N, C-alpha and C. Protein backbone atom coordinates (compact mmCIF):
# COMPACT_ATOMS: atom_id res chain seq x y z
N MET A 1 -7.92 21.95 24.67
CA MET A 1 -7.16 21.16 23.71
C MET A 1 -8.13 20.22 23.00
N LYS A 2 -7.96 20.08 21.70
CA LYS A 2 -8.81 19.21 20.90
C LYS A 2 -8.22 17.80 20.87
N TYR A 3 -9.12 16.83 20.82
CA TYR A 3 -8.71 15.44 20.75
C TYR A 3 -9.30 14.80 19.50
N SER A 4 -8.61 13.79 19.00
CA SER A 4 -9.18 12.94 17.97
C SER A 4 -9.20 11.53 18.52
N VAL A 5 -9.99 10.69 17.91
CA VAL A 5 -10.09 9.30 18.36
C VAL A 5 -9.32 8.43 17.38
N TYR A 6 -8.46 7.58 17.91
CA TYR A 6 -7.68 6.65 17.10
C TYR A 6 -8.05 5.24 17.50
N THR A 7 -8.33 4.40 16.53
CA THR A 7 -8.63 3.00 16.79
C THR A 7 -7.36 2.19 16.59
N VAL A 8 -6.96 1.47 17.63
CA VAL A 8 -5.73 0.68 17.61
C VAL A 8 -5.84 -0.40 16.54
N LYS A 9 -4.78 -0.52 15.74
CA LYS A 9 -4.72 -1.53 14.69
C LYS A 9 -3.75 -2.64 15.10
N GLU A 10 -3.85 -3.76 14.44
CA GLU A 10 -2.97 -4.89 14.72
C GLU A 10 -1.52 -4.45 14.61
N GLY A 11 -0.73 -4.78 15.59
CA GLY A 11 0.69 -4.44 15.58
C GLY A 11 1.01 -3.12 16.26
N ASP A 12 -0.01 -2.31 16.55
CA ASP A 12 0.22 -1.03 17.24
C ASP A 12 0.66 -1.26 18.68
N THR A 13 1.48 -0.35 19.15
CA THR A 13 1.85 -0.28 20.57
C THR A 13 1.61 1.16 21.00
N ALA A 14 1.59 1.39 22.29
CA ALA A 14 1.44 2.76 22.78
C ALA A 14 2.57 3.63 22.22
N ALA A 15 3.77 3.07 22.17
CA ALA A 15 4.92 3.83 21.67
C ALA A 15 4.76 4.17 20.19
N SER A 16 4.31 3.21 19.38
CA SER A 16 4.18 3.48 17.94
C SER A 16 3.05 4.48 17.66
N ILE A 17 1.98 4.41 18.44
CA ILE A 17 0.88 5.37 18.28
C ILE A 17 1.35 6.76 18.69
N ALA A 18 2.08 6.84 19.79
CA ALA A 18 2.60 8.13 20.25
C ALA A 18 3.50 8.75 19.18
N ARG A 19 4.38 7.93 18.58
CA ARG A 19 5.25 8.43 17.51
C ARG A 19 4.43 8.92 16.32
N LYS A 20 3.41 8.16 15.96
CA LYS A 20 2.57 8.51 14.81
C LYS A 20 1.93 9.88 15.00
N PHE A 21 1.51 10.19 16.22
CA PHE A 21 0.82 11.45 16.48
C PHE A 21 1.72 12.50 17.12
N ASP A 22 3.03 12.19 17.22
CA ASP A 22 4.00 13.13 17.74
C ASP A 22 3.63 13.62 19.14
N VAL A 23 3.28 12.66 20.00
CA VAL A 23 3.00 12.97 21.40
C VAL A 23 3.88 12.06 22.26
N LEU A 24 4.08 12.44 23.49
CA LEU A 24 4.84 11.60 24.40
C LEU A 24 4.03 10.36 24.73
N GLU A 25 4.71 9.21 24.78
CA GLU A 25 4.02 7.97 25.14
C GLU A 25 3.38 8.11 26.52
N SER A 26 4.08 8.73 27.46
CA SER A 26 3.55 8.90 28.81
C SER A 26 2.26 9.73 28.81
N THR A 27 2.17 10.71 27.92
CA THR A 27 0.96 11.53 27.81
C THR A 27 -0.19 10.70 27.26
N LEU A 28 0.08 9.93 26.21
CA LEU A 28 -0.94 9.06 25.62
C LEU A 28 -1.46 8.07 26.66
N VAL A 29 -0.56 7.45 27.40
CA VAL A 29 -0.93 6.47 28.44
C VAL A 29 -1.77 7.14 29.52
N ALA A 30 -1.33 8.30 29.99
CA ALA A 30 -2.05 9.00 31.06
C ALA A 30 -3.42 9.48 30.59
N ASP A 31 -3.49 10.04 29.39
CA ASP A 31 -4.75 10.57 28.87
C ASP A 31 -5.80 9.47 28.70
N ASN A 32 -5.34 8.24 28.49
CA ASN A 32 -6.27 7.13 28.22
C ASN A 32 -6.33 6.10 29.34
N ASN A 33 -5.68 6.40 30.47
CA ASN A 33 -5.67 5.48 31.61
C ASN A 33 -5.26 4.06 31.22
N ILE A 34 -4.23 3.96 30.39
CA ILE A 34 -3.75 2.66 29.93
C ILE A 34 -2.92 2.03 31.04
N THR A 35 -3.30 0.83 31.43
CA THR A 35 -2.58 0.15 32.52
C THR A 35 -1.78 -1.05 32.02
N GLY A 36 -1.97 -1.43 30.79
CA GLY A 36 -1.23 -2.56 30.21
C GLY A 36 -0.98 -2.31 28.75
N GLU A 37 -1.07 -3.36 27.97
CA GLU A 37 -0.89 -3.26 26.53
C GLU A 37 -2.14 -2.69 25.87
N VAL A 38 -1.96 -2.04 24.73
CA VAL A 38 -3.11 -1.64 23.93
C VAL A 38 -3.51 -2.84 23.08
N PHE A 39 -4.77 -2.91 22.68
CA PHE A 39 -5.23 -4.04 21.90
C PHE A 39 -6.02 -3.58 20.69
N CYS A 40 -6.04 -4.42 19.68
CA CYS A 40 -6.71 -4.12 18.42
C CYS A 40 -8.17 -3.76 18.68
N GLY A 41 -8.61 -2.64 18.10
CA GLY A 41 -9.98 -2.19 18.26
C GLY A 41 -10.17 -1.20 19.39
N MET A 42 -9.19 -1.08 20.27
CA MET A 42 -9.27 -0.14 21.40
C MET A 42 -9.31 1.28 20.85
N LYS A 43 -10.14 2.13 21.42
CA LYS A 43 -10.25 3.53 21.00
C LYS A 43 -9.45 4.40 21.97
N LEU A 44 -8.60 5.24 21.42
CA LEU A 44 -7.76 6.11 22.23
C LEU A 44 -8.00 7.58 21.86
N ALA A 45 -8.01 8.43 22.86
CA ALA A 45 -8.08 9.87 22.64
C ALA A 45 -6.65 10.37 22.45
N VAL A 46 -6.43 11.09 21.37
CA VAL A 46 -5.11 11.61 21.06
C VAL A 46 -5.24 13.11 20.86
N LYS A 47 -4.40 13.88 21.57
CA LYS A 47 -4.44 15.33 21.43
C LYS A 47 -4.10 15.71 20.00
N LYS A 48 -4.93 16.55 19.41
CA LYS A 48 -4.69 17.00 18.04
C LYS A 48 -3.56 18.01 18.01
N ARG A 49 -2.75 17.89 16.99
CA ARG A 49 -1.68 18.84 16.78
C ARG A 49 -2.19 19.98 15.92
N ASP A 50 -1.42 21.05 15.86
CA ASP A 50 -1.81 22.22 15.10
C ASP A 50 -1.39 22.03 13.65
N GLY A 51 -2.22 21.41 12.88
CA GLY A 51 -1.93 21.14 11.48
C GLY A 51 -3.16 20.54 10.84
N ILE A 52 -2.95 19.84 9.73
CA ILE A 52 -4.08 19.19 9.07
C ILE A 52 -3.78 17.71 8.91
N TYR A 53 -4.83 16.98 8.65
CA TYR A 53 -4.71 15.56 8.36
C TYR A 53 -5.15 15.36 6.92
N TYR A 54 -4.37 14.62 6.18
CA TYR A 54 -4.63 14.36 4.77
C TYR A 54 -4.85 12.86 4.59
N THR A 55 -5.89 12.49 3.87
CA THR A 55 -6.17 11.08 3.60
C THR A 55 -5.59 10.72 2.24
N VAL A 56 -4.77 9.68 2.22
CA VAL A 56 -4.11 9.24 1.00
C VAL A 56 -5.15 8.77 -0.02
N LYS A 57 -4.99 9.28 -1.23
CA LYS A 57 -5.91 8.96 -2.33
C LYS A 57 -5.23 8.04 -3.34
N PRO A 58 -6.00 7.48 -4.28
CA PRO A 58 -5.38 6.62 -5.29
C PRO A 58 -4.23 7.34 -6.01
N PHE A 59 -3.17 6.63 -6.22
CA PHE A 59 -1.97 7.08 -6.93
C PHE A 59 -1.09 8.05 -6.13
N ASP A 60 -1.47 8.39 -4.89
CA ASP A 60 -0.60 9.21 -4.05
C ASP A 60 0.64 8.42 -3.67
N THR A 61 1.75 9.13 -3.55
CA THR A 61 2.97 8.57 -3.00
C THR A 61 3.43 9.52 -1.90
N ALA A 62 4.33 9.07 -1.06
CA ALA A 62 4.87 9.96 -0.03
C ALA A 62 5.49 11.18 -0.69
N SER A 63 6.16 10.97 -1.79
CA SER A 63 6.81 12.06 -2.50
C SER A 63 5.79 13.07 -3.04
N SER A 64 4.72 12.58 -3.64
CA SER A 64 3.73 13.51 -4.22
C SER A 64 2.98 14.28 -3.14
N VAL A 65 2.69 13.62 -2.03
CA VAL A 65 2.00 14.30 -0.92
C VAL A 65 2.92 15.35 -0.32
N ALA A 66 4.16 14.98 -0.06
CA ALA A 66 5.12 15.93 0.52
C ALA A 66 5.28 17.15 -0.40
N ARG A 67 5.43 16.89 -1.67
CA ARG A 67 5.60 17.98 -2.65
C ARG A 67 4.37 18.89 -2.65
N ALA A 68 3.18 18.31 -2.58
CA ALA A 68 1.94 19.10 -2.61
C ALA A 68 1.83 20.04 -1.42
N PHE A 69 2.44 19.65 -0.29
CA PHE A 69 2.36 20.48 0.91
C PHE A 69 3.65 21.23 1.21
N GLY A 70 4.62 21.13 0.31
CA GLY A 70 5.85 21.90 0.46
C GLY A 70 6.77 21.44 1.57
N ILE A 71 6.75 20.14 1.86
CA ILE A 71 7.67 19.60 2.86
C ILE A 71 8.50 18.50 2.22
N THR A 72 9.54 18.08 2.91
CA THR A 72 10.35 17.01 2.36
C THR A 72 9.69 15.67 2.64
N GLU A 73 10.01 14.71 1.81
CA GLU A 73 9.51 13.35 2.01
C GLU A 73 10.00 12.80 3.35
N ALA A 74 11.23 13.15 3.71
CA ALA A 74 11.80 12.70 4.99
C ALA A 74 11.00 13.25 6.17
N ARG A 75 10.59 14.52 6.09
CA ARG A 75 9.81 15.12 7.18
C ARG A 75 8.43 14.49 7.26
N LEU A 76 7.80 14.23 6.12
CA LEU A 76 6.51 13.56 6.10
C LEU A 76 6.62 12.18 6.76
N ALA A 77 7.67 11.47 6.42
CA ALA A 77 7.89 10.14 7.01
C ALA A 77 8.11 10.23 8.52
N GLU A 78 8.88 11.22 8.94
CA GLU A 78 9.16 11.41 10.37
C GLU A 78 7.88 11.73 11.14
N LEU A 79 7.08 12.64 10.61
CA LEU A 79 5.85 13.05 11.29
C LEU A 79 4.84 11.92 11.41
N ASN A 80 4.89 10.98 10.47
CA ASN A 80 3.85 9.96 10.40
C ASN A 80 4.35 8.54 10.65
N GLY A 81 5.60 8.42 11.03
CA GLY A 81 6.15 7.10 11.33
C GLY A 81 6.11 6.15 10.14
N LEU A 82 6.37 6.69 8.96
CA LEU A 82 6.32 5.86 7.75
C LEU A 82 7.56 4.99 7.65
N GLU A 83 7.35 3.74 7.30
CA GLU A 83 8.47 2.84 7.06
C GLU A 83 8.74 2.80 5.56
N ASN A 84 9.96 3.02 5.18
CA ASN A 84 10.36 3.03 3.77
C ASN A 84 9.54 4.02 2.94
N ASN A 85 9.05 5.07 3.59
CA ASN A 85 8.25 6.11 2.92
C ASN A 85 7.03 5.56 2.20
N ALA A 86 6.51 4.43 2.67
CA ALA A 86 5.34 3.82 2.06
C ALA A 86 4.06 4.43 2.63
N VAL A 87 3.13 4.79 1.74
CA VAL A 87 1.81 5.26 2.15
C VAL A 87 0.78 4.33 1.52
N PHE A 88 -0.39 4.26 2.14
CA PHE A 88 -1.42 3.33 1.70
C PHE A 88 -2.74 4.06 1.51
N LEU A 89 -3.50 3.63 0.53
CA LEU A 89 -4.81 4.20 0.24
C LEU A 89 -5.65 4.25 1.51
N GLY A 90 -6.19 5.43 1.81
CA GLY A 90 -7.03 5.60 2.99
C GLY A 90 -6.27 5.98 4.25
N GLN A 91 -4.95 5.90 4.22
CA GLN A 91 -4.12 6.25 5.38
C GLN A 91 -4.23 7.74 5.66
N THR A 92 -4.24 8.11 6.94
CA THR A 92 -4.29 9.51 7.32
C THR A 92 -2.89 9.98 7.66
N LEU A 93 -2.48 11.07 7.04
CA LEU A 93 -1.16 11.65 7.26
C LEU A 93 -1.30 13.02 7.89
N TYR A 94 -0.39 13.34 8.80
CA TYR A 94 -0.37 14.65 9.45
C TYR A 94 0.56 15.58 8.69
N ILE A 95 0.11 16.80 8.46
CA ILE A 95 0.92 17.84 7.82
C ILE A 95 0.98 19.03 8.77
N GLU A 96 2.17 19.51 9.09
CA GLU A 96 2.33 20.65 10.00
C GLU A 96 1.69 21.90 9.43
N LYS A 97 0.98 22.64 10.28
CA LYS A 97 0.30 23.86 9.84
C LYS A 97 1.28 24.92 9.33
N ASP A 98 2.40 25.09 10.01
CA ASP A 98 3.34 26.14 9.60
C ASP A 98 4.04 25.81 8.29
N LYS A 99 3.84 24.61 7.77
CA LYS A 99 4.46 24.23 6.50
C LYS A 99 3.50 24.39 5.32
N MET A 100 2.27 24.79 5.60
CA MET A 100 1.28 24.91 4.53
C MET A 100 1.28 26.30 3.95
């Protein structure tokens, strides 16, 4: 199984990171030997899913990214834990392989 490294950002929790990467919180905790809270700057190994990661570019919107990959904006938001379908420059978004 392939892993990627995720650096914890301010406001992240194990649960929010697990949702972002579509993994079980218990798996994330076990894989990283987390015994308490996660903290800003902490590096976590996250199992890679079978898909691609897209980095948001200038002028991208959730709608334009979803349309480019043939998925709904709602599914893009669900896969990436987007609030109000907001995306930010430099943000990494997951796109399911079977949807490409």
